[in-house]
PDB file of N, CA and C in Angstrom:
ATOM      1  N   UNK A   1      -4.789 -88.126  97.365  1.00  0.00           N
ATOM      2  CA  UNK A   1      -3.349 -88.255  97.350  1.00  0.00           C
ATOM      3  C   UNK A   1      -2.985 -89.729  97.501  1.00  0.00           C
ATOM      4  N   UNK A   2      -2.252 -90.276  96.532  1.00  0.00           N
ATOM      5  CA  UNK A   2      -1.882 -91.682  96.624  1.00  0.00           C
ATOM      6  C   UNK A   2      -0.578 -91.850  97.383  1.00  0.00           C
ATOM      7  N   UNK A   3      -0.482 -92.950  98.068  1.00  0.00           N
ATOM      8  CA  UNK A   3       0.711 -93.229  98.864  1.00  0.00           C
ATOM      9  C   UNK A   3       1.636 -94.139  98.076  1.00  0.00           C
ATOM     10  N   UNK A   4       2.912 -93.851  98.177  1.00  0.00           N
ATOM     11  CA  UNK A   4       3.920 -94.704  97.555  1.00  0.00           C
ATOM     12  C   UNK A   4       4.553 -95.557  98.631  1.00  0.00           C
ATOM     13  N   UNK A   5       4.972 -96.753  98.260  1.00  0.00           N
ATOM     14  CA  UNK A   5       5.629 -97.607  99.248  1.00  0.00           C
ATOM     15  C   UNK A   5       6.984 -97.033  99.655  1.00  0.00           C
ATOM     16  N   UNK A   6       7.393 -97.347 100.866  1.00  0.00           N
ATOM     17  CA  UNK A   6       8.651 -96.854 101.408  1.00  0.00           C
ATOM     18  C   UNK A   6       9.839 -97.299 100.561  1.00  0.00           C
ATOM     19  N   UNK A   7       9.735 -98.473  99.977  1.00  0.00           N
ATOM     20  CA  UNK A   7      10.810 -98.972  99.124  1.00  0.00           C
ATOM     21  C   UNK A   7      11.051 -98.083  97.912  1.00  0.00           C
ATOM     22  N   UNK A   8       9.995 -97.461  97.388  1.00  0.00           N
ATOM     23  CA  UNK A   8      10.137 -96.560  96.246  1.00  0.00           C
ATOM     24  C   UNK A   8      10.953 -95.332  96.634  1.00  0.00           C
ATOM     25  N   UNK A   9      10.687 -94.785  97.815  1.00  0.00           N
ATOM     26  CA  UNK A   9      11.463 -93.641  98.299  1.00  0.00           C
ATOM     27  C   UNK A   9      12.932 -94.022  98.476  1.00  0.00           C
ATOM     28  N   UNK A  10      13.167 -95.173  99.065  1.00  0.00           N
ATOM     29  CA  UNK A  10      14.538 -95.628  99.300  1.00  0.00           C
ATOM     30  C   UNK A  10      15.265 -95.846  97.975  1.00  0.00           C
ATOM     31  N   UNK A  11      14.577 -96.430  97.004  1.00  0.00           N
ATOM     32  CA  UNK A  11      15.187 -96.678  95.712  1.00  0.00           C
ATOM     33  C   UNK A  11      15.556 -95.379  95.004  1.00  0.00           C
ATOM     34  N   UNK A  12      14.669 -94.411  95.003  1.00  0.00           N
ATOM     35  CA  UNK A  12      14.941 -93.142  94.340  1.00  0.00           C
ATOM     36  C   UNK A  12      16.085 -92.408  95.022  1.00  0.00           C
ATOM     37  N   UNK A  13      16.127 -92.409  96.345  1.00  0.00           N
ATOM     38  CA  UNK A  13      17.220 -91.748  97.042  1.00  0.00           C
ATOM     39  C   UNK A  13      18.543 -92.477  96.819  1.00  0.00           C
ATOM     40  N   UNK A  14      18.511 -93.797  96.754  1.00  0.00           N
ATOM     41  CA  UNK A  14      19.727 -94.560  96.474  1.00  0.00           C
ATOM     42  C   UNK A  14      20.244 -94.274  95.072  1.00  0.00           C
ATOM     43  N   UNK A  15      19.340 -94.230  94.102  1.00  0.00           N
ATOM     44  CA  UNK A  15      19.736 -93.914  92.732  1.00  0.00           C
ATOM     45  C   UNK A  15      20.324 -92.500  92.670  1.00  0.00           C
ATOM     46  N   UNK A  16      19.718 -91.555  93.380  1.00  0.00           N
ATOM     47  CA  UNK A  16      20.253 -90.193  93.426  1.00  0.00           C
ATOM     48  C   UNK A  16      21.648 -90.151  94.018  1.00  0.00           C
ATOM     49  N   UNK A  17      21.882 -90.930  95.062  1.00  0.00           N
ATOM     50  CA  UNK A  17      23.209 -90.970  95.685  1.00  0.00           C
ATOM     51  C   UNK A  17      24.235 -91.585  94.745  1.00  0.00           C
ATOM     52  N   UNK A  18      23.854 -92.640  94.046  1.00  0.00           N
ATOM     53  CA  UNK A  18      24.786 -93.298  93.126  1.00  0.00           C
ATOM     54  C   UNK A  18      25.132 -92.377  91.956  1.00  0.00           C
ATOM     55  N   UNK A  19      24.116 -91.770  91.363  1.00  0.00           N
ATOM     56  CA  UNK A  19      24.365 -90.864  90.242  1.00  0.00           C
ATOM     57  C   UNK A  19      25.199 -89.667  90.692  1.00  0.00           C
ATOM     58  N   UNK A  20      24.893 -89.117  91.840  1.00  0.00           N
ATOM     59  CA  UNK A  20      25.680 -87.999  92.363  1.00  0.00           C
ATOM     60  C   UNK A  20      27.122 -88.391  92.641  1.00  0.00           C
ATOM     61  N   UNK A  21      27.331 -89.578  93.174  1.00  0.00           N
ATOM     62  CA  UNK A  21      28.690 -90.043  93.442  1.00  0.00           C
ATOM     63  C   UNK A  21      29.468 -90.261  92.156  1.00  0.00           C
ATOM     64  N   UNK A  22      28.797 -90.794  91.139  1.00  0.00           N
ATOM     65  CA  UNK A  22      29.456 -90.968  89.840  1.00  0.00           C
ATOM     66  C   UNK A  22      29.831 -89.612  89.256  1.00  0.00           C
ATOM     67  N   UNK A  23      28.926 -88.653  89.344  1.00  0.00           N
ATOM     68  CA  UNK A  23      29.235 -87.305  88.859  1.00  0.00           C
ATOM     69  C   UNK A  23      30.378 -86.679  89.651  1.00  0.00           C
ATOM     70  N   UNK A  24      30.452 -86.969  90.937  1.00  0.00           N
ATOM     71  CA  UNK A  24      31.564 -86.480  91.757  1.00  0.00           C
ATOM     72  C   UNK A  24      32.893 -87.069  91.321  1.00  0.00           C
ATOM     73  N   UNK A  25      32.898 -88.360  90.961  1.00  0.00           N
ATOM     74  CA  UNK A  25      34.120 -88.988  90.464  1.00  0.00           C
ATOM     75  C   UNK A  25      34.536 -88.378  89.129  1.00  0.00           C
ATOM     76  N   UNK A  26      33.565 -88.128  88.266  1.00  0.00           N
ATOM     77  CA  UNK A  26      33.866 -87.501  86.978  1.00  0.00           C
ATOM     78  C   UNK A  26      34.385 -86.082  87.193  1.00  0.00           C
ATOM     79  N   UNK A  27      33.756 -85.341  88.104  1.00  0.00           N
ATOM     80  CA  UNK A  27      34.218 -83.984  88.402  1.00  0.00           C
ATOM     81  C   UNK A  27      35.636 -84.007  88.947  1.00  0.00           C
ATOM     82  N   UNK A  28      35.978 -85.027  89.714  1.00  0.00           N
ATOM     83  CA  UNK A  28      37.330 -85.145  90.241  1.00  0.00           C
ATOM     84  C   UNK A  28      38.365 -85.328  89.149  1.00  0.00           C
ATOM     85  N   UNK A  29      37.975 -85.939  88.040  1.00  0.00           N
ATOM     86  CA  UNK A  29      38.900 -86.127  86.925  1.00  0.00           C
ATOM     87  C   UNK A  29      38.977 -84.895  86.028  1.00  0.00           C
ATOM     88  N   UNK A  30      37.881 -84.115  85.967  1.00  0.00           N
ATOM     89  CA  UNK A  30      37.799 -83.000  85.029  1.00  0.00           C
ATOM     90  C   UNK A  30      38.237 -81.677  85.650  1.00  0.00           C
ATOM     91  N   UNK A  31      37.840 -81.418  86.879  1.00  0.00           N
ATOM     92  CA  UNK A  31      38.099 -80.131  87.529  1.00  0.00           C
ATOM     93  C   UNK A  31      39.586 -80.027  87.876  1.00  0.00           C
ATOM     94  N   UNK A  32      40.198 -78.873  87.588  1.00  0.00           N
ATOM     95  CA  UNK A  32      41.614 -78.709  87.936  1.00  0.00           C
ATOM     96  C   UNK A  32      41.832 -78.666  89.449  1.00  0.00           C
ATOM     97  N   UNK A  33      43.057 -78.925  89.863  1.00  0.00           N
ATOM     98  CA  UNK A  33      43.400 -78.926  91.286  1.00  0.00           C
ATOM     99  C   UNK A  33      43.030 -77.590  91.924  1.00  0.00           C
ATOM    100  N   UNK A  34      42.526 -77.659  93.136  1.00  0.00           N
ATOM    101  CA  UNK A  34      42.166 -76.452  93.859  1.00  0.00           C
ATOM    102  C   UNK A  34      41.098 -76.744  94.900  1.00  0.00           C
ATOM    103  N   UNK A  35      40.566 -75.678  95.430  1.00  0.00           N
ATOM    104  CA  UNK A  35      39.578 -75.787  96.505  1.00  0.00           C
ATOM    105  C   UNK A  35      38.292 -76.443  96.015  1.00  0.00           C
ATOM    106  N   UNK A  36      37.871 -76.119  94.803  1.00  0.00           N
ATOM    107  CA  UNK A  36      36.624 -76.681  94.274  1.00  0.00           C
ATOM    108  C   UNK A  36      36.751 -78.191  94.116  1.00  0.00           C
ATOM    109  N   UNK A  37      37.873 -78.653  93.601  1.00  0.00           N
ATOM    110  CA  UNK A  37      38.074 -80.094  93.442  1.00  0.00           C
ATOM    111  C   UNK A  37      38.109 -80.783  94.795  1.00  0.00           C
ATOM    112  N   UNK A  38      38.769 -80.196  95.774  1.00  0.00           N
ATOM    113  CA  UNK A  38      38.809 -80.778  97.118  1.00  0.00           C
ATOM    114  C   UNK A  38      37.404 -80.870  97.701  1.00  0.00           C
ATOM    115  N   UNK A  39      36.598 -79.833  97.469  1.00  0.00           N
ATOM    116  CA  UNK A  39      35.232 -79.823  98.000  1.00  0.00           C
ATOM    117  C   UNK A  39      34.375 -80.904  97.334  1.00  0.00           C
ATOM    118  N   UNK A  40      34.455 -81.018  96.008  1.00  0.00           N
ATOM    119  CA  UNK A  40      33.607 -81.959  95.283  1.00  0.00           C
ATOM    120  C   UNK A  40      34.003 -83.407  95.513  1.00  0.00           C
ATOM    121  N   UNK A  41      35.275 -83.658  95.760  1.00  0.00           N
ATOM    122  CA  UNK A  41      35.729 -85.036  95.900  1.00  0.00           C
ATOM    123  C   UNK A  41      35.872 -85.477  97.352  1.00  0.00           C
ATOM    124  N   UNK A  42      35.558 -84.629  98.292  1.00  0.00           N
ATOM    125  CA  UNK A  42      35.622 -85.014  99.708  1.00  0.00           C
ATOM    126  C   UNK A  42      34.565 -86.077  99.964  1.00  0.00           C
ATOM    127  N   UNK A  43      34.951 -87.145 100.611  1.00  0.00           N
ATOM    128  CA  UNK A  43      34.010 -88.237 100.836  1.00  0.00           C
ATOM    129  C   UNK A  43      34.108 -88.748 102.263  1.00  0.00           C
ATOM    130  N   UNK A  44      33.083 -89.479 102.647  1.00  0.00           N
ATOM    131  CA  UNK A  44      33.025 -90.052 103.997  1.00  0.00           C
ATOM    132  C   UNK A  44      32.533 -91.490 103.897  1.00  0.00           C
ATOM    133  N   UNK A  45      33.115 -92.349 104.708  1.00  0.00           N
ATOM    134  CA  UNK A  45      32.646 -93.735 104.796  1.00  0.00           C
ATOM    135  C   UNK A  45      31.463 -93.773 105.752  1.00  0.00           C
ATOM    136  N   UNK A  46      30.339 -94.208 105.233  1.00  0.00           N
ATOM    137  CA  UNK A  46      29.136 -94.257 106.054  1.00  0.00           C
ATOM    138  C   UNK A  46      28.997 -95.628 106.706  1.00  0.00           C
ATOM    139  N   UNK A  47      29.119 -96.673 105.922  1.00  0.00           N
ATOM    140  CA  UNK A  47      28.937 -98.025 106.429  1.00  0.00           C
ATOM    141  C   UNK A  47      30.070 -98.894 105.906  1.00  0.00           C
ATOM    142  N   UNK A  48      30.668 -99.642 106.773  1.00  0.00           N
ATOM    143  CA  UNK A  48      31.651-100.628 106.354  1.00  0.00           C
ATOM    144  C   UNK A  48      31.410-101.902 107.148  1.00  0.00           C
ATOM    145  N   UNK A  49      31.004-102.935 106.462  1.00  0.00           N
ATOM    146  CA  UNK A  49      30.851-104.251 107.063  1.00  0.00           C
ATOM    147  C   UNK A  49      31.926-105.137 106.456  1.00  0.00           C
ATOM    148  N   UNK A  50      32.747-105.709 107.296  1.00  0.00           N
ATOM    149  CA  UNK A  50      33.832-106.535 106.782  1.00  0.00           C
ATOM    150  C   UNK A  50      33.260-107.761 106.073  1.00  0.00           C
ATOM    151  N   UNK A  51      33.951-108.212 105.036  1.00  0.00           N
ATOM    152  CA  UNK A  51      33.444-109.363 104.287  1.00  0.00           C
ATOM    153  C   UNK A  51      33.319-110.608 105.156  1.00  0.00           C
ATOM    154  N   UNK A  52      32.236-111.306 104.992  1.00  0.00           N
ATOM    155  CA  UNK A  52      31.993-112.562 105.697  1.00  0.00           C
ATOM    156  C   UNK A  52      31.777-113.657 104.666  1.00  0.00           C
ATOM    157  N   UNK A  53      32.384-114.793 104.891  1.00  0.00           N
ATOM    158  CA  UNK A  53      32.242-115.925 103.982  1.00  0.00           C
ATOM    159  C   UNK A  53      31.342-116.964 104.626  1.00  0.00           C
ATOM    160  N   UNK A  54      30.328-117.393 103.863  1.00  0.00           N
ATOM    161  CA  UNK A  54      29.404-118.402 104.359  1.00  0.00           C
ATOM    162  C   UNK A  54      29.288-119.511 103.327  1.00  0.00           C
ATOM    163  N   UNK A  55      28.901-120.676 103.761  1.00  0.00           N
ATOM    164  CA  UNK A  55      28.655-121.789 102.867  1.00  0.00           C
ATOM    165  C   UNK A  55      29.596-122.948 103.133  1.00  0.00           C
ATOM    166  N   UNK A  56      29.314-124.056 102.489  1.00  0.00           N
ATOM    167  CA  UNK A  56      30.182-125.231 102.643  1.00  0.00           C
ATOM    168  C   UNK A  56      31.512-125.010 101.915  1.00  0.00           C
ATOM    169  N   UNK A  57      32.443-125.925 102.100  1.00  0.00           N
ATOM    170  CA  UNK A  57      33.769-125.775 101.515  1.00  0.00           C
ATOM    171  C   UNK A  57      33.761-125.729  99.988  1.00  0.00           C
ATOM    172  N   UNK A  58      32.858-126.411  99.366  1.00  0.00           N
ATOM    173  CA  UNK A  58      32.847-126.486  97.914  1.00  0.00           C
ATOM    174  C   UNK A  58      32.131-125.311  97.248  1.00  0.00           C
ATOM    175  N   UNK A  59      31.383-124.496  98.020  1.00  0.00           N
ATOM    176  CA  UNK A  59      30.675-123.338  97.473  1.00  0.00           C
ATOM    177  C   UNK A  59      30.627-122.254  98.541  1.00  0.00           C
ATOM    178  N   UNK A  60      31.367-121.187  98.346  1.00  0.00           N
ATOM    179  CA  UNK A  60      31.427-120.107  99.332  1.00  0.00           C
ATOM    180  C   UNK A  60      30.825-118.826  98.763  1.00  0.00           C
ATOM    181  N   UNK A  61      30.144-118.100  99.618  1.00  0.00           N
ATOM    182  CA  UNK A  61      29.629-116.782  99.286  1.00  0.00           C
ATOM    183  C   UNK A  61      30.308-115.777 100.208  1.00  0.00           C
ATOM    184  N   UNK A  62      30.807-114.712  99.625  1.00  0.00           N
ATOM    185  CA  UNK A  62      31.411-113.647 100.417  1.00  0.00           C
ATOM    186  C   UNK A  62      30.503-112.433 100.332  1.00  0.00           C
ATOM    187  N   UNK A  63      30.083-111.941 101.485  1.00  0.00           N
ATOM    188  CA  UNK A  63      29.160-110.815 101.558  1.00  0.00           C
ATOM    189  C   UNK A  63      29.810-109.710 102.385  1.00  0.00           C
ATOM    190  N   UNK A  64      29.772-108.493 101.864  1.00  0.00           N
ATOM    191  CA  UNK A  64      30.300-107.343 102.579  1.00  0.00           C
ATOM    192  C   UNK A  64      29.660-106.074 102.034  1.00  0.00           C
ATOM    193  N   UNK A  65      29.827-104.992 102.734  1.00  0.00           N
ATOM    194  CA  UNK A  65      29.240-103.723 102.305  1.00  0.00           C
ATOM    195  C   UNK A  65      30.186-102.590 102.665  1.00  0.00           C
ATOM    196  N   UNK A  66      30.426-101.737 101.687  1.00  0.00           N
ATOM    197  CA  UNK A  66      31.263-100.559 101.911  1.00  0.00           C
ATOM    198  C   UNK A  66      30.577 -99.406 101.196  1.00  0.00           C
ATOM    199  N   UNK A  67      30.074 -98.442 101.929  1.00  0.00           N
ATOM    200  CA  UNK A  67      29.330 -97.323 101.358  1.00  0.00           C
ATOM    201  C   UNK A  67      30.084 -96.038 101.632  1.00  0.00           C
ATOM    202  N   UNK A  68      30.493 -95.385 100.552  1.00  0.00           N
ATOM    203  CA  UNK A  68      31.181 -94.102 100.644  1.00  0.00           C
ATOM    204  C   UNK A  68      30.381 -93.097  99.838  1.00  0.00           C
ATOM    205  N   UNK A  69      30.150 -91.934 100.405  1.00  0.00           N
ATOM    206  CA  UNK A  69      29.391 -90.904  99.700  1.00  0.00           C
ATOM    207  C   UNK A  69      30.207 -89.622  99.687  1.00  0.00           C
ATOM    208  N   UNK A  70      30.126 -88.900  98.571  1.00  0.00           N
ATOM    209  CA  UNK A  70      30.830 -87.630  98.475  1.00  0.00           C
ATOM    210  C   UNK A  70      29.825 -86.483  98.433  1.00  0.00           C
ATOM    211  N   UNK A  71      30.331 -85.276  98.311  1.00  0.00           N
ATOM    212  CA  UNK A  71      29.466 -84.095  98.342  1.00  0.00           C
ATOM    213  C   UNK A  71      28.481 -84.113  97.178  1.00  0.00           C
ATOM    214  N   UNK A  72      28.947 -84.526  96.006  1.00  0.00           N
ATOM    215  CA  UNK A  72      28.043 -84.614  94.858  1.00  0.00           C
ATOM    216  C   UNK A  72      26.952 -85.658  95.093  1.00  0.00           C
ATOM    217  N   UNK A  73      27.261 -86.708  95.847  1.00  0.00           N
ATOM    218  CA  UNK A  73      26.251 -87.701  96.198  1.00  0.00           C
ATOM    219  C   UNK A  73      25.142 -87.096  97.042  1.00  0.00           C
ATOM    220  N   UNK A  74      25.510 -86.213  97.951  1.00  0.00           N
ATOM    221  CA  UNK A  74      24.502 -85.512  98.764  1.00  0.00           C
ATOM    222  C   UNK A  74      23.643 -84.624  97.876  1.00  0.00           C
ATOM    223  N   UNK A  75      24.284 -83.925  96.921  1.00  0.00           N
ATOM    224  CA  UNK A  75      23.517 -83.123  95.974  1.00  0.00           C
ATOM    225  C   UNK A  75      22.581 -83.999  95.154  1.00  0.00           C
ATOM    226  N   UNK A  76      23.039 -85.175  94.754  1.00  0.00           N
ATOM    227  CA  UNK A  76      22.199 -86.108  94.013  1.00  0.00           C
ATOM    228  C   UNK A  76      20.994 -86.553  94.819  1.00  0.00           C
ATOM    229  N   UNK A  77      21.197 -86.813  96.112  1.00  0.00           N
ATOM    230  CA  UNK A  77      20.082 -87.196  96.987  1.00  0.00           C
ATOM    231  C   UNK A  77      19.074 -86.053  97.093  1.00  0.00           C
ATOM    232  N   UNK A  78      19.562 -84.836  97.250  1.00  0.00           N
ATOM    233  CA  UNK A  78      18.663 -83.680  97.357  1.00  0.00           C
ATOM    234  C   UNK A  78      17.879 -83.463  96.062  1.00  0.00           C
ATOM    235  N   UNK A  79      18.536 -83.613  94.925  1.00  0.00           N
ATOM    236  CA  UNK A  79      17.846 -83.461  93.645  1.00  0.00           C
ATOM    237  C   UNK A  79      16.817 -84.573  93.452  1.00  0.00           C
ATOM    238  N   UNK A  80      17.174 -85.808  93.818  1.00  0.00           N
ATOM    239  CA  UNK A  80      16.220 -86.916  93.706  1.00  0.00           C
ATOM    240  C   UNK A  80      15.017 -86.700  94.617  1.00  0.00           C
ATOM    241  N   UNK A  81      15.251 -86.192  95.817  1.00  0.00           N
ATOM    242  CA  UNK A  81      14.139 -85.915  96.737  1.00  0.00           C
ATOM    243  C   UNK A  81      13.240 -84.816  96.172  1.00  0.00           C
ATOM    244  N   UNK A  82      13.840 -83.813  95.542  1.00  0.00           N
ATOM    245  CA  UNK A  82      13.062 -82.732  94.943  1.00  0.00           C
ATOM    246  C   UNK A  82      12.225 -83.251  93.777  1.00  0.00           C
ATOM    247  N   UNK A  83      12.820 -84.080  92.927  1.00  0.00           N
ATOM    248  CA  UNK A  83      12.084 -84.652  91.795  1.00  0.00           C
ATOM    249  C   UNK A  83      10.957 -85.543  92.305  1.00  0.00           C
ATOM    250  N   UNK A  84      11.225 -86.317  93.352  1.00  0.00           N
ATOM    251  CA  UNK A  84      10.187 -87.160  93.929  1.00  0.00           C
ATOM    252  C   UNK A  84       9.038 -86.317  94.454  1.00  0.00           C
ATOM    253  N   UNK A  85       9.362 -85.182  95.040  1.00  0.00           N
ATOM    254  CA  UNK A  85       8.320 -84.287  95.545  1.00  0.00           C
ATOM    255  C   UNK A  85       7.488 -83.702  94.394  1.00  0.00           C
ATOM    256  N   UNK A  86       8.152 -83.392  93.272  1.00  0.00           N
ATOM    257  CA  UNK A  86       7.428 -82.878  92.122  1.00  0.00           C
ATOM    258  C   UNK A  86       6.490 -83.920  91.515  1.00  0.00           C
ATOM    259  N   UNK A  87       6.912 -85.183  91.548  1.00  0.00           N
ATOM    260  CA  UNK A  87       6.100 -86.235  90.973  1.00  0.00           C
ATOM    261  C   UNK A  87       4.916 -86.615  91.847  1.00  0.00           C
ATOM    262  N   UNK A  88       4.928 -86.203  93.096  1.00  0.00           N
ATOM    263  CA  UNK A  88       3.865 -86.566  94.014  1.00  0.00           C
ATOM    264  C   UNK A  88       2.670 -85.762  93.762  1.00  0.00           C
TER     265      UNK A  88
END
């Protein structure tokens, strides 16, 4: 059994979350108003780091992070984890 680096697992789960979140946004535009739309588009803020500016006056970098995941994003993570398990 070969071992994969931890970064590979993190990358696959991140890609699953992003794809799931995109599908959730699309579902929010396509699905008619109702309980199903509310369920699919419900989201939570996981991480919010306020923007910080660093650097000299003539060159500034602004760094911040805002991570929001919806229900479809969780489904995407679960599907990515399942596919990763199949590939192992």
